[in-house]
Structures are given as structure tokens and as C-alpha cells.
């Protein structure tokens, strides 16, 4: 059951992270990004990769919280 629940969380989060990646970098050029006033020391592909994983982690946290809140008190305390 745990593996199934993890797929309920990870797969939709993966799809949303891909969509966010397309939307964000359709509007923003990674070469124009700055961190504390300094240009990023990463290539465009590096920025794309890190952003995708950041989007994926954030959407997994959101989906995981939703899954946790949908569980009954019996399931949580088991």
C-alpha cells in the first residue's frame, strides 16, 4: 500500500513539475537569472535541471500533505 500511495504522490507531482518547467522557462531565460546580485555560475541546462527537481520536490510535498490529510485517524495512527 505504501508504494501505491507514493506513486499517487510522485507521478502527478512529476507531471506538474514538467508543466511548471515549461511555463516558467517559456517566459524566463536562465542566463538572465541572478543570485544575490551575481549571475548564476550554472549552465542553462543546470538551471533547468535544478529548477525541475525543486518544482518536483515542492509539488510532491503538496501532494503528500494532501494524501496525509485525506487519511483517517485510524490509518495515521496505525
C-alpha atoms as a PDB file:
ATOM      1  CA  UNK A   1       0.000   0.000   0.000  1.00  0.00           C
ATOM      2  CA  UNK A   2       2.902   2.356   0.762  1.00  0.00           C
ATOM      3  CA  UNK A   3       4.362   2.012  -2.758  1.00  0.00           C
ATOM      4  CA  UNK A   4       0.959   2.688  -4.311  1.00  0.00           C
ATOM      5  CA  UNK A   5       0.459   5.768  -2.145  1.00  0.00           C
ATOM      6  CA  UNK A   6       3.936   7.037  -3.062  1.00  0.00           C
ATOM      7  CA  UNK A   7       3.084   6.703  -6.765  1.00  0.00           C
ATOM      8  CA  UNK A   8      -0.143   8.632  -6.149  1.00  0.00           C
ATOM      9  CA  UNK A   9       2.110  11.413  -4.844  1.00  0.00           C
ATOM     10  CA  UNK A  10       5.158  11.199  -7.131  1.00  0.00           C
ATOM     11  CA  UNK A  11       3.575  10.729 -10.563  1.00  0.00           C
ATOM     12  CA  UNK A  12       1.182  13.733 -10.548  1.00  0.00           C
ATOM     13  CA  UNK A  13       3.953  15.832  -8.974  1.00  0.00           C
ATOM     14  CA  UNK A  14       6.285  14.813 -11.820  1.00  0.00           C
ATOM     15  CA  UNK A  15       3.730  15.898 -14.412  1.00  0.00           C
ATOM     16  CA  UNK A  16       3.083  19.222 -12.681  1.00  0.00           C
ATOM     17  CA  UNK A  17       6.835  19.859 -12.327  1.00  0.00           C
ATOM     18  CA  UNK A  18       7.226  19.318 -16.067  1.00  0.00           C
ATOM     19  CA  UNK A  19       4.386  21.724 -16.773  1.00  0.00           C
ATOM     20  CA  UNK A  20       5.836  24.340 -14.411  1.00  0.00           C
ATOM     21  CA  UNK A  21       9.213  23.953 -16.100  1.00  0.00           C
ATOM     22  CA  UNK A  22       7.656  24.682 -19.486  1.00  0.00           C
ATOM     23  CA  UNK A  23       5.671  27.648 -18.192  1.00  0.00           C
ATOM     24  CA  UNK A  24       8.475  29.275 -16.199  1.00  0.00           C
ATOM     25  CA  UNK A  25      11.242  28.864 -18.741  1.00  0.00           C
ATOM     26  CA  UNK A  26       8.956  29.795 -21.594  1.00  0.00           C
ATOM     27  CA  UNK A  27       8.974  33.257 -20.020  1.00  0.00           C
ATOM     28  CA  UNK A  28      12.374  33.408 -18.263  1.00  0.00           C
ATOM     29  CA  UNK A  29      15.818  32.934 -19.785  1.00  0.00           C
ATOM     30  CA  UNK A  30      18.096  31.111 -17.301  1.00  0.00           C
ATOM     31  CA  UNK A  31      21.051  33.195 -18.485  1.00  0.00           C
ATOM     32  CA  UNK A  32      19.288  36.322 -17.139  1.00  0.00           C
ATOM     33  CA  UNK A  33      18.900  34.947 -13.597  1.00  0.00           C
ATOM     34  CA  UNK A  34      20.939  36.403 -10.736  1.00  0.00           C
ATOM     35  CA  UNK A  35      21.511  35.205  -7.171  1.00  0.00           C
ATOM     36  CA  UNK A  36      22.236  37.972  -4.628  1.00  0.00           C
ATOM     37  CA  UNK A  37      23.165  40.314  -7.465  1.00  0.00           C
ATOM     38  CA  UNK A  38      25.614  37.885  -9.091  1.00  0.00           C
ATOM     39  CA  UNK A  39      24.949  35.888 -12.273  1.00  0.00           C
ATOM     40  CA  UNK A  40      24.423  32.183 -11.699  1.00  0.00           C
ATOM     41  CA  UNK A  41      27.507  30.027 -12.211  1.00  0.00           C
ATOM     42  CA  UNK A  42      25.401  27.276 -13.811  1.00  0.00           C
ATOM     43  CA  UNK A  43      24.742  26.492 -17.433  1.00  0.00           C
ATOM     44  CA  UNK A  44      21.222  26.791 -18.802  1.00  0.00           C
ATOM     45  CA  UNK A  45      20.839  23.023 -18.613  1.00  0.00           C
ATOM     46  CA  UNK A  46      21.969  23.086 -14.972  1.00  0.00           C
ATOM     47  CA  UNK A  47      19.354  25.720 -14.136  1.00  0.00           C
ATOM     48  CA  UNK A  48      16.677  23.704 -15.954  1.00  0.00           C
ATOM     49  CA  UNK A  49      17.654  20.565 -14.036  1.00  0.00           C
ATOM     50  CA  UNK A  50      17.777  22.186 -10.598  1.00  0.00           C
ATOM     51  CA  UNK A  51      14.513  24.029 -11.206  1.00  0.00           C
ATOM     52  CA  UNK A  52      12.773  20.835 -12.321  1.00  0.00           C
ATOM     53  CA  UNK A  53      13.838  18.975  -9.181  1.00  0.00           C
ATOM     54  CA  UNK A  54      12.864  21.943  -6.985  1.00  0.00           C
ATOM     55  CA  UNK A  55       9.421  22.055  -8.641  1.00  0.00           C
ATOM     56  CA  UNK A  56       9.117  18.282  -8.245  1.00  0.00           C
ATOM     57  CA  UNK A  57      10.018  18.344  -4.533  1.00  0.00           C
ATOM     58  CA  UNK A  58       7.594  21.197  -3.838  1.00  0.00           C
ATOM     59  CA  UNK A  59       4.716  19.560  -5.678  1.00  0.00           C
ATOM     60  CA  UNK A  60       5.481  16.205  -4.004  1.00  0.00           C
ATOM     61  CA  UNK A  61       5.294  17.940  -0.613  1.00  0.00           C
ATOM     62  CA  UNK A  62       1.946  19.436  -1.576  1.00  0.00           C
ATOM     63  CA  UNK A  63       0.585  16.108  -2.828  1.00  0.00           C
ATOM     64  CA  UNK A  64       1.983  14.296   0.220  1.00  0.00           C
ATOM     65  CA  UNK A  65       0.261  16.715   2.574  1.00  0.00           C
ATOM     66  CA  UNK A  66      -2.987  16.230   0.684  1.00  0.00           C
ATOM     67  CA  UNK A  67      -2.608  12.436   0.953  1.00  0.00           C
ATOM     68  CA  UNK A  68      -1.857  12.711   4.676  1.00  0.00           C
ATOM     69  CA  UNK A  69      -4.869  14.942   5.312  1.00  0.00           C
ATOM     70  CA  UNK A  70      -7.137  12.559   3.398  1.00  0.00           C
ATOM     71  CA  UNK A  71      -6.234   9.624   5.663  1.00  0.00           C
ATOM     72  CA  UNK A  72      -8.471   8.635   8.548  1.00  0.00           C
ATOM     73  CA  UNK A  73      -7.163   8.884  12.102  1.00  0.00           C
ATOM     74  CA  UNK A  74      -7.014   5.065  12.230  1.00  0.00           C
ATOM     75  CA  UNK A  75      -4.700   4.962   9.190  1.00  0.00           C
ATOM     76  CA  UNK A  76      -2.453   7.715  10.563  1.00  0.00           C
ATOM     77  CA  UNK A  77      -2.087   6.071  13.999  1.00  0.00           C
ATOM     78  CA  UNK A  78      -1.509   2.585  12.616  1.00  0.00           C
END
